[in-house]
Amino acid sequence: MKNAFFITGLIFASFAATAQTMTKDENGNFVQVKAETAVHDSTTTHTAKFNGKKDEPVYIGKRGGMYVIRYAKKSGKFYRKYLKRE
């Protein structure tokens, strides 16, 4: 019995996941809303130089924060170093 409810729930969840958003136009007809493009981080034309070393590209995040990508030698991971706004 539990399996039947679980399978039914999965079926309804799959319908909800693939549901398309519809709106009405001025004539009363339903029109599918186009999907918005995902906002992602973008690169800028600016560069940053730390301690007189090489220029590093500056990126802008989704929320407007500016950062450079740094590499930690000890852990071997990349991380973001956010720049302070003036």
Protein backbone atom coordinates (compact mmCIF):
# COMPACT_ATOMS: atom_id res chain seq x y z
CA MET A 1 0.00 0.00 0.00
CA LYS A 2 2.85 2.37 0.83
CA ASN A 3 4.43 1.64 -2.54
CA ALA A 4 1.22 2.57 -4.37
CA PHE A 5 1.08 5.96 -2.60
CA PHE A 6 4.77 6.51 -3.25
CA ILE A 7 4.45 5.73 -6.98
CA THR A 8 1.34 7.91 -7.28
CA GLY A 9 3.18 10.74 -5.55
CA LEU A 10 6.11 10.41 -7.94
CA ILE A 11 3.80 10.55 -10.93
CA PHE A 12 2.11 13.73 -9.70
CA ALA A 13 5.49 15.26 -8.83
CA SER A 14 6.74 14.61 -12.35
CA PHE A 15 3.67 16.36 -13.79
CA ALA A 16 4.27 19.36 -11.54
CA ALA A 17 7.94 19.50 -12.50
CA THR A 18 7.14 19.64 -16.20
CA ALA A 19 4.20 22.04 -15.88
CA GLN A 20 4.39 25.11 -18.07
CA THR A 21 3.30 28.55 -16.96
CA MET A 22 0.50 30.04 -19.00
CA THR A 23 -0.91 33.56 -19.08
CA LYS A 24 -3.82 35.17 -20.88
CA ASP A 25 -3.28 37.74 -23.58
CA GLU A 26 -5.61 40.66 -24.37
CA ASN A 27 -7.93 38.42 -26.44
CA GLY A 28 -8.36 35.92 -23.60
CA ASN A 29 -6.21 33.22 -25.21
CA PHE A 30 -3.71 31.30 -23.13
CA VAL A 31 -0.08 31.92 -24.09
CA GLN A 32 2.97 30.06 -22.79
CA VAL A 33 5.42 32.24 -20.89
CA LYS A 34 8.96 32.04 -22.19
CA ALA A 35 11.53 30.77 -19.71
CA GLU A 36 13.89 33.41 -18.38
CA THR A 37 17.59 32.91 -18.81
CA ALA A 38 19.48 32.05 -15.67
CA VAL A 39 21.47 34.86 -14.14
CA HIS A 40 25.09 33.87 -13.73
CA ASP A 41 28.42 35.42 -12.89
CA SER A 42 30.06 37.42 -15.64
CA THR A 43 33.52 38.70 -16.36
CA THR A 44 34.42 42.38 -16.60
CA THR A 45 37.10 44.34 -18.42
CA HIS A 46 38.73 45.21 -15.09
CA THR A 47 41.76 43.50 -13.62
CA ALA A 48 43.19 43.42 -10.10
CA LYS A 49 46.83 43.21 -9.07
CA PHE A 50 47.77 41.89 -5.61
CA ASN A 51 51.26 42.49 -4.16
CA GLY A 52 52.66 43.50 -7.56
CA LYS A 53 51.97 40.08 -9.09
CA LYS A 54 50.13 39.28 -12.31
CA ASP A 55 46.82 40.88 -13.27
CA GLU A 56 43.80 38.77 -12.40
CA PRO A 57 40.39 39.15 -14.11
CA VAL A 58 37.58 40.57 -12.01
CA TYR A 59 34.15 38.90 -12.04
CA ILE A 60 30.73 40.21 -11.02
CA GLY A 61 28.44 37.83 -9.12
CA LYS A 62 24.68 37.45 -9.34
CA ARG A 63 24.12 39.98 -6.57
CA GLY A 64 26.61 42.54 -7.87
CA GLY A 65 29.64 41.66 -5.75
CA MET A 66 33.02 41.91 -7.48
CA TYR A 67 35.60 39.18 -6.89
CA VAL A 68 38.70 37.46 -8.21
CA ILE A 69 39.24 33.72 -8.24
CA ARG A 70 42.16 32.59 -6.07
CA TYR A 71 43.81 29.21 -5.58
CA ALA A 72 44.73 27.86 -2.13
CA LYS A 73 47.96 25.85 -2.36
CA LYS A 74 47.45 24.00 0.93
CA SER A 75 43.94 22.73 0.29
CA GLY A 76 44.16 22.71 -3.51
CA LYS A 77 40.79 24.45 -3.88
CA PHE A 78 39.62 27.52 -5.72
CA TYR A 79 37.78 30.25 -3.84
CA ARG A 80 36.43 33.75 -4.42
CA LYS A 81 38.15 36.76 -2.92
CA TYR A 82 35.60 39.56 -2.84
CA LEU A 83 36.80 43.10 -3.40
CA LYS A 84 35.70 45.97 -1.18
CA ARG A 85 33.65 48.70 -2.75
CA GLU A 86 34.87 52.26 -2.43
